[in-house]
Amino acid sequence: MTENWNTRTKLVHGGIRRSQYNEVAEAIFLTQGFVYNTAEQAEARFLETGPDEFIYARYGNPTVAMFEERIALLEGAEDAFATASGMAAVNGAVTSMLKAGDHVVSAKALFGSCLYILEEILTRYGVEVTFVDGTDLDQWKAAIREDTKAVFFETVSNPTLEVIDLKAVADLAHAVGALVVVDNVFATPVYSKALENGADVIVYSTTKHIDGQGRCLGGVILGSKEFIRGTVEPYMKHTGGSMSPFNAWVMLKGLETIDLRVRAQSASAQAIAEALVGHDKLARVIYPGLEGHAQHAIAIEQMGQGGTVLSLDLKGGQEAAFRFLNALQIAVISNNLGDAKSIVTHPATTTHQRLPEEQKVHLGITPGLVRFSVGIEDTGDLIADVKQALDAV
């Protein structure tokens, strides 16, 4: 029945598990363990657990299970595993499926911590990783081999907002039996069409739009029941990367309003981007919703909207970018995104500072680049704030 509900109904009622008290708000089960009525019941529980049977919070918890069921229902996935952070989700998704000698192809344009996992950790344990320009299908064709086990990329890259043709890359990967793993944070669960476009495994940092109010860390891995319970769960429950019950409850409450928030944020982002195109202080306005964006058609096909984040490249380099950041009165300087508050970041000196200079240049992370995550403030106020900050440069 729940599969037939529309999105906003799923986000409010999906995955509900009520206790004997029939509470309206989801219950927080703050417990690390569970009691068995008999020794025989404990033995049976460890042999095989049912949907409402739990052993230990690292393995599963009723509040966490509610969140997993709800986000899977929203995404259209068979199952989900909630993790302690977005990076725990990335690490769990790729590390759980790979072993020494396996081959992975990844886009170069990645968040710094994702790059660290692929470039430093996986290779340390004998996994071969080939990096490509994610928007160049010829490079994907050349890199994917008969023995490739997985491909990995951000569907919309951070912070230069390149949009990868998910369906085309998935077709290439599936032709050799490789799994397609995508970090889908910038697309958001609201605009996600990842599964229907060929993704096998979807990763989110729930710290971003799903919480949406800057409160808790979290992540989630979505995919087939076989992959989530057969591959991811054994790895995650033994390595300790599961989500806490309290954080799961926060994420559940965030899901109730995510559709409303993300649609409002995306509409504002579109309006801000359009208002800034051609501004004399800006070398570039980067936003997938703009017709001038190199992958605009793909973005609209895959998401339907441009998303909640835009990037501004100021002509005066780092000095101009810092003057702009310091002059803003509404948007705050931080390194998160997807928040109810508008947040600005200077990637070259913060989130992507560890990248070699030549790689920053290749990826378009210039000294003047500012990432702007649009919040739910009044659109007119945000446009006025950005323009007065540009005037101060």
Protein backbone atom coordinates (compact mmCIF):
# COMPACT_ATOMS: atom_id res chain seq x y z
CA MET A 1 0.00 0.00 0.00
CA THR A 2 2.74 2.49 0.98
CA GLU A 3 4.36 2.19 -2.47
CA ASN A 4 1.25 3.79 -3.98
CA TRP A 5 1.42 6.86 -1.74
CA ASN A 6 2.68 10.15 -3.13
CA THR A 7 6.02 11.49 -1.92
CA ARG A 8 4.88 13.80 0.87
CA THR A 9 2.68 11.10 2.37
CA LYS A 10 5.57 8.63 2.35
CA LEU A 11 7.77 11.20 4.07
CA VAL A 12 5.34 11.62 6.96
CA HIS A 13 4.00 8.09 7.44
CA GLY A 14 6.50 5.68 5.87
CA GLY A 15 8.15 3.06 8.07
CA ILE A 16 6.18 3.85 11.24
CA ARG A 17 6.64 1.35 14.09
CA ARG A 18 4.48 2.22 17.08
CA SER A 19 5.05 0.82 20.54
CA GLN A 20 2.32 -0.44 22.83
CA TYR A 21 1.59 3.21 23.70
CA ASN A 22 0.55 4.17 20.15
CA GLU A 23 2.54 7.39 20.16
CA VAL A 24 2.04 9.97 17.38
CA ALA A 25 5.68 11.02 17.05
CA GLU A 26 8.16 8.24 16.33
CA ALA A 27 9.67 6.78 19.50
CA ILE A 28 13.38 7.04 20.25
CA PHE A 29 14.62 3.66 21.45
CA LEU A 30 17.76 4.73 23.31
CA THR A 31 19.03 1.27 24.10
CA GLN A 32 22.19 -0.55 23.12
CA GLY A 33 20.76 -4.03 23.71
CA PHE A 34 17.56 -6.07 23.88
CA VAL A 35 16.20 -8.63 26.38
CA TYR A 36 15.20 -12.18 25.43
CA ASN A 37 12.45 -13.97 27.33
CA THR A 38 14.28 -17.29 27.20
CA ALA A 39 17.65 -18.71 26.29
CA GLU A 40 15.97 -20.49 23.40
CA GLN A 41 14.65 -17.14 22.10
CA ALA A 42 18.16 -15.64 22.28
CA GLU A 43 19.55 -18.59 20.33
CA ALA A 44 16.83 -18.27 17.68
CA ARG A 45 17.35 -14.51 17.40
CA PHE A 46 21.06 -14.94 16.69
CA LEU A 47 20.32 -17.57 14.05
CA GLU A 48 17.81 -15.44 12.15
CA THR A 49 16.21 -12.09 12.95
CA GLY A 50 12.79 -11.02 11.76
CA PRO A 51 11.72 -7.46 10.84
CA ASP A 52 10.83 -6.55 14.44
CA GLU A 53 13.56 -8.53 16.19
CA PHE A 54 16.79 -6.88 17.32
CA ILE A 55 20.02 -8.05 18.95
CA TYR A 56 22.30 -5.08 19.49
CA ALA A 57 22.15 -1.41 18.43
CA ARG A 58 25.23 -1.84 16.22
CA TYR A 59 23.24 -4.47 14.28
CA GLY A 60 19.87 -2.68 14.27
CA ASN A 61 17.45 -0.61 16.34
CA PRO A 62 13.71 0.12 15.96
CA THR A 63 14.20 3.88 15.47
CA VAL A 64 17.01 3.35 12.98
CA ALA A 65 14.89 0.76 11.15
CA MET A 66 12.07 3.31 10.81
CA PHE A 67 14.45 5.75 9.16
CA GLU A 68 15.86 3.05 6.86
CA GLU A 69 12.38 2.01 5.75
CA ARG A 70 11.25 5.57 5.13
CA ILE A 71 14.26 6.66 3.08
CA ALA A 72 14.12 3.42 1.06
CA LEU A 73 10.45 4.07 0.36
CA LEU A 74 11.25 7.61 -0.81
CA GLU A 75 14.14 6.49 -3.04
CA GLY A 76 12.30 3.46 -4.41
CA ALA A 77 15.06 1.15 -3.18
CA GLU A 78 14.52 -2.33 -1.77
CA ASP A 79 16.50 -1.64 1.39
CA ALA A 80 18.79 0.77 3.22
CA PHE A 81 21.45 0.76 5.94
CA ALA A 82 21.87 3.90 8.06
CA THR A 83 25.39 4.92 9.03
CA ALA A 84 27.12 7.21 11.50
CA SER A 85 28.07 9.79 8.86
CA GLY A 86 28.07 10.38 5.13
CA MET A 87 31.68 9.25 4.89
CA ALA A 88 30.84 6.07 6.81
CA ALA A 89 28.26 5.43 4.09
CA VAL A 90 30.76 6.02 1.26
CA ASN A 91 33.37 3.85 2.95
CA GLY A 92 30.88 1.12 3.77
CA ALA A 93 29.37 1.03 0.30
CA VAL A 94 32.66 0.63 -1.56
CA THR A 95 34.86 -1.19 0.95
CA SER A 96 32.28 -3.86 1.76
CA MET A 97 32.17 -5.04 -1.88
CA LEU A 98 35.87 -4.90 -2.78
CA LYS A 99 38.96 -7.02 -2.15
CA ALA A 100 42.63 -6.95 -3.16
CA GLY A 101 43.02 -7.19 -6.91
CA ASP A 102 39.65 -5.63 -7.75
CA HIS A 103 39.42 -2.69 -10.15
CA VAL A 104 37.36 0.48 -9.67
CA VAL A 105 36.82 3.40 -12.04
CA SER A 106 35.98 6.75 -10.46
CA ALA A 107 35.38 10.32 -11.56
CA LYS A 108 38.17 12.71 -10.55
CA ALA A 109 35.82 15.41 -9.30
CA LEU A 110 35.16 14.22 -5.76
CA PHE A 111 34.81 15.61 -2.26
CA GLY A 112 38.21 15.43 -0.56
CA SER A 113 37.30 12.64 1.87
CA CYS A 114 35.82 10.50 -0.92
CA LEU A 115 39.04 10.97 -2.84
CA TYR A 116 41.03 9.90 0.22
CA ILE A 117 39.10 6.62 0.52
CA LEU A 118 39.62 5.77 -3.14
CA GLU A 119 43.14 7.10 -3.58
CA GLU A 120 44.68 6.24 -0.22
CA ILE A 121 42.71 3.57 1.63
CA LEU A 122 41.53 1.22 -1.12
CA THR A 123 44.86 1.26 -2.95
CA ARG A 124 46.65 0.55 0.34
CA TYR A 125 44.82 -2.77 0.47
CA GLY A 126 45.43 -3.76 -3.13
CA VAL A 127 42.43 -2.31 -4.96
CA GLU A 128 43.32 -0.71 -8.30
CA VAL A 129 41.58 2.63 -8.93
CA THR A 130 41.47 4.46 -12.26
CA PHE A 131 40.35 8.10 -12.31
CA VAL A 132 38.60 9.73 -15.27
CA ASP A 133 37.01 13.03 -16.22
CA GLY A 134 33.44 12.17 -15.26
CA THR A 135 31.81 14.18 -18.05
CA ASP A 136 33.90 12.49 -20.78
CA LEU A 137 32.21 9.24 -21.84
CA ASP A 138 35.21 8.28 -23.96
CA GLN A 139 37.36 8.22 -20.84
CA TRP A 140 34.84 5.97 -19.09
CA LYS A 141 34.83 3.64 -22.12
CA ALA A 142 38.62 3.46 -22.12
CA ALA A 143 38.92 2.91 -18.36
CA ILE A 144 36.17 0.32 -17.72
CA ARG A 145 37.57 -3.19 -18.19
CA GLU A 146 36.17 -6.71 -18.21
CA ASP A 147 37.40 -7.12 -14.62
CA THR A 148 36.06 -3.78 -13.32
CA LYS A 149 34.01 -4.43 -10.19
CA ALA A 150 32.51 -0.98 -9.58
CA VAL A 151 32.31 2.60 -10.79
CA PHE A 152 31.93 5.51 -8.39
CA PHE A 153 31.04 9.16 -8.89
CA GLU A 154 29.07 12.11 -7.56
CA THR A 155 26.00 12.56 -9.76
CA VAL A 156 26.57 16.32 -9.35
CA SER A 157 30.15 17.12 -8.44
CA ASN A 158 31.25 19.19 -5.47
CA PRO A 159 31.90 22.14 -5.80
CA THR A 160 31.96 22.81 -9.57
CA LEU A 161 28.56 21.19 -10.17
CA GLU A 162 29.42 19.03 -13.15
CA VAL A 163 26.57 16.63 -13.94
CA ILE A 164 27.54 13.13 -15.03
CA ASP A 165 25.39 11.24 -17.52
CA LEU A 166 24.34 8.51 -15.12
CA LYS A 167 22.48 6.36 -17.62
CA ALA A 168 25.35 6.35 -20.13
CA VAL A 169 27.97 5.45 -17.52
CA ALA A 170 25.68 2.81 -16.00
CA ASP A 171 25.23 1.17 -19.41
CA LEU A 172 29.02 0.94 -19.82
CA ALA A 173 29.49 -0.47 -16.31
CA HIS A 174 26.68 -2.99 -16.52
CA ALA A 175 28.04 -4.31 -19.81
CA VAL A 176 30.96 -5.80 -17.84
CA GLY A 177 28.94 -6.65 -14.72
CA ALA A 178 30.25 -3.75 -12.62
CA LEU A 179 28.13 -2.12 -9.92
CA VAL A 180 27.30 1.58 -10.20
CA VAL A 181 27.78 3.40 -6.88
CA VAL A 182 26.77 7.07 -6.75
CA ASP A 183 27.06 9.82 -4.16
CA ASN A 184 23.74 11.54 -4.77
CA VAL A 185 23.87 14.34 -2.17
CA PHE A 186 23.58 17.31 -4.54
CA ALA A 187 20.71 15.71 -6.46
CA THR A 188 18.90 15.11 -3.13
CA PRO A 189 16.38 12.30 -2.51
CA VAL A 190 13.63 14.70 -3.63
CA TYR A 191 14.93 14.98 -7.20
CA SER A 192 16.66 11.61 -7.37
CA LYS A 193 16.05 9.40 -10.37
CA ALA A 194 19.25 7.47 -9.71
CA LEU A 195 17.76 3.97 -9.65
CA GLU A 196 15.75 4.38 -12.84
CA ASN A 197 18.84 5.81 -14.56
CA GLY A 198 20.94 2.77 -13.68
CA ALA A 199 22.50 3.25 -10.25
CA ASP A 200 22.84 0.06 -8.20
CA VAL A 201 23.95 1.65 -4.92
CA ILE A 202 23.10 5.16 -3.73
CA VAL A 203 24.89 6.97 -0.93
CA TYR A 204 23.72 10.06 0.97
CA SER A 205 25.21 12.16 3.70
CA THR A 206 22.02 12.63 5.72
CA THR A 207 23.86 15.45 7.50
CA LYS A 208 22.90 17.57 4.49
CA HIS A 209 19.35 17.94 3.14
CA ILE A 210 17.83 15.03 5.08
CA ASP A 211 18.54 16.57 8.48
CA GLY A 212 18.50 19.97 6.84
CA GLN A 213 18.95 21.95 10.03
CA GLY A 214 22.57 21.44 10.99
CA ARG A 215 21.98 19.16 13.98
CA CYS A 216 23.37 15.66 13.47
CA LEU A 217 25.81 13.61 11.44
CA GLY A 218 24.47 10.67 9.49
CA GLY A 219 24.60 8.71 6.26
CA VAL A 220 22.70 6.01 4.43
CA ILE A 221 23.43 3.36 1.80
CA LEU A 222 20.55 2.26 -0.45
CA GLY A 223 20.32 -0.65 -2.86
CA SER A 224 18.91 -4.12 -3.35
CA LYS A 225 18.03 -6.18 -0.30
CA GLU A 226 20.68 -8.71 -1.30
CA PHE A 227 23.40 -6.04 -1.41
CA ILE A 228 22.33 -4.18 1.74
CA ARG A 229 21.78 -7.22 3.97
CA GLY A 230 24.25 -9.60 2.35
CA THR A 231 27.21 -7.29 1.69
CA VAL A 232 26.84 -3.98 3.55
CA GLU A 233 25.26 -5.08 6.84
CA PRO A 234 27.90 -7.70 7.78
CA TYR A 235 30.67 -5.18 7.09
CA MET A 236 29.02 -2.27 8.90
CA LYS A 237 27.84 -4.13 11.97
CA HIS A 238 31.29 -5.62 12.58
CA THR A 239 33.22 -2.40 11.88
CA GLY A 240 30.90 -0.19 13.94
CA GLY A 241 29.68 2.48 11.52
CA SER A 242 25.96 2.31 12.30
CA MET A 243 23.73 5.31 13.02
CA SER A 244 22.70 6.16 16.59
CA PRO A 245 18.98 5.94 17.52
CA PHE A 246 18.81 9.64 18.44
CA ASN A 247 20.33 10.72 15.13
CA ALA A 248 17.95 8.40 13.30
CA TRP A 249 15.02 10.11 15.05
CA VAL A 250 16.33 13.52 13.96
CA MET A 251 16.62 12.25 10.39
CA LEU A 252 13.05 10.91 10.52
CA LYS A 253 11.77 14.33 11.52
CA GLY A 254 13.91 15.91 8.79
CA LEU A 255 12.35 13.65 6.16
CA GLU A 256 8.90 14.95 7.05
CA THR A 257 9.76 18.37 5.61
CA ILE A 258 12.52 17.62 3.09
CA ASP A 259 10.24 17.85 0.05
CA LEU A 260 8.98 21.29 1.08
CA ARG A 261 12.46 22.57 1.98
CA VAL A 262 14.35 21.29 -1.05
CA ARG A 263 11.79 22.54 -3.55
CA ALA A 264 11.86 26.01 -1.96
CA GLN A 265 15.68 26.00 -1.85
CA SER A 266 15.94 24.96 -5.50
CA ALA A 267 13.52 27.67 -6.61
CA SER A 268 15.58 30.26 -4.73
CA ALA A 269 18.84 28.91 -6.15
CA GLN A 270 17.45 29.23 -9.68
CA ALA A 271 16.33 32.82 -9.03
CA ILE A 272 19.67 33.81 -7.48
CA ALA A 273 21.65 32.27 -10.33
CA GLU A 274 19.54 34.04 -12.93
CA ALA A 275 19.90 37.36 -11.07
CA LEU A 276 23.70 37.08 -11.04
CA VAL A 277 24.44 35.99 -14.61
CA GLY A 278 26.57 38.66 -16.26
CA HIS A 279 27.48 40.47 -13.03
CA ASP A 280 30.67 42.43 -13.60
CA LYS A 281 32.36 41.05 -10.46
CA LEU A 282 31.83 37.43 -11.49
CA ALA A 283 33.82 35.36 -13.97
CA ARG A 284 31.28 32.52 -13.80
CA VAL A 285 27.92 31.63 -12.30
CA ILE A 286 27.77 27.84 -12.13
CA TYR A 287 24.32 26.32 -11.70
CA PRO A 288 22.89 23.26 -13.51
CA GLY A 289 19.52 24.97 -13.83
CA LEU A 290 20.97 27.65 -16.11
CA GLU A 291 20.69 26.94 -19.84
CA GLY A 292 24.31 27.97 -20.25
CA HIS A 293 25.53 25.16 -17.97
CA ALA A 294 27.47 22.56 -19.98
CA GLN A 295 25.32 19.67 -18.71
CA HIS A 296 22.03 21.57 -18.34
CA ALA A 297 20.04 19.11 -20.48
CA ILE A 298 21.36 16.10 -18.55
CA ALA A 299 20.65 17.82 -15.22
CA ILE A 300 17.04 18.50 -16.14
CA GLU A 301 16.60 14.96 -17.50
CA GLN A 302 18.10 13.35 -14.37
CA MET A 303 16.74 15.70 -11.69
CA GLY A 304 14.14 17.99 -13.20
CA GLN A 305 15.68 20.96 -11.38
CA GLY A 306 19.08 22.55 -10.88
CA GLY A 307 19.36 21.72 -7.18
CA THR A 308 19.99 23.78 -4.06
CA VAL A 309 23.63 24.76 -4.61
CA LEU A 310 25.31 27.23 -6.97
CA SER A 311 28.93 28.29 -7.29
CA LEU A 312 30.24 31.79 -7.97
CA ASP A 313 33.69 32.46 -9.39
CA LEU A 314 34.83 35.95 -8.45
CA LYS A 315 37.19 37.74 -10.83
CA GLY A 316 39.58 38.95 -8.13
CA GLY A 317 40.64 35.51 -6.91
CA GLN A 318 40.96 34.59 -3.23
CA GLU A 319 41.13 38.20 -2.01
CA ALA A 320 37.87 39.05 -3.77
CA ALA A 321 36.26 35.81 -2.57
CA PHE A 322 37.21 36.53 1.04
CA ARG A 323 35.90 40.11 0.81
CA PHE A 324 32.64 38.75 -0.58
CA LEU A 325 32.30 36.11 2.15
CA ASN A 326 33.05 38.59 4.91
CA ALA A 327 30.51 41.11 3.58
CA LEU A 328 27.55 38.71 3.55
CA GLN A 329 24.96 39.47 6.22
CA ILE A 330 22.52 36.53 5.87
CA ALA A 331 24.50 33.59 4.52
CA VAL A 332 26.93 32.14 7.07
CA ILE A 333 30.45 30.88 6.43
CA SER A 334 30.63 27.15 7.14
CA ASN A 335 31.43 23.93 5.29
CA ASN A 336 28.09 22.11 5.39
CA LEU A 337 25.37 22.31 2.74
CA GLY A 338 21.70 21.51 2.33
CA ASP A 339 20.83 23.45 5.50
CA ALA A 340 17.80 25.64 6.20
CA LYS A 341 20.35 28.46 6.59
CA SER A 342 22.24 29.65 3.52
CA ILE A 343 25.89 28.62 3.80
CA VAL A 344 28.91 29.80 1.83
CA THR A 345 32.25 28.02 1.54
CA HIS A 346 35.60 28.76 -0.10
CA PRO A 347 36.52 25.26 -1.34
CA ALA A 348 40.14 25.98 -2.33
CA THR A 349 41.10 26.80 1.27
CA THR A 350 38.69 24.50 3.14
CA THR A 351 36.89 21.39 1.84
CA HIS A 352 39.28 20.84 -1.09
CA GLN A 353 42.44 22.44 0.27
CA ARG A 354 44.36 19.13 0.39
CA LEU A 355 44.16 18.69 -3.38
CA PRO A 356 47.36 19.45 -5.31
CA GLU A 357 47.24 22.81 -7.08
CA GLU A 358 47.29 21.25 -10.55
CA GLN A 359 44.28 19.11 -9.64
CA LYS A 360 42.37 22.15 -8.39
CA VAL A 361 43.10 23.86 -11.70
CA HIS A 362 41.96 20.79 -13.66
CA LEU A 363 38.72 20.56 -11.67
CA GLY A 364 38.00 24.29 -11.94
CA ILE A 365 38.41 24.96 -8.22
CA THR A 366 39.85 28.44 -8.68
CA PRO A 367 40.99 30.83 -5.92
CA GLY A 368 37.87 32.91 -6.58
CA LEU A 369 35.36 30.05 -6.39
CA VAL A 370 32.67 30.24 -3.71
CA ARG A 371 30.11 27.48 -3.13
CA PHE A 372 26.70 28.84 -2.11
CA SER A 373 24.23 26.42 -0.51
CA VAL A 374 20.87 28.15 -0.61
CA GLY A 375 18.67 27.99 2.47
CA ILE A 376 14.98 28.67 3.02
CA GLU A 377 15.29 32.39 3.71
CA ASP A 378 13.33 34.88 1.60
CA THR A 379 14.65 34.78 -1.97
CA GLY A 380 14.61 38.55 -2.38
CA ASP A 381 16.58 39.03 0.81
CA LEU A 382 19.22 36.54 -0.36
CA ILE A 383 19.60 38.23 -3.76
CA ALA A 384 19.96 41.63 -2.10
CA ASP A 385 22.52 40.24 0.35
CA VAL A 386 24.64 38.67 -2.40
CA LYS A 387 24.55 41.83 -4.49
CA GLN A 388 25.58 44.10 -1.62
CA ALA A 389 28.43 41.70 -0.78
CA LEU A 390 29.59 41.81 -4.42
CA ASP A 391 29.49 45.60 -4.26
CA ALA A 392 31.89 45.37 -1.29
CA VAL A 393 34.49 43.45 -3.30
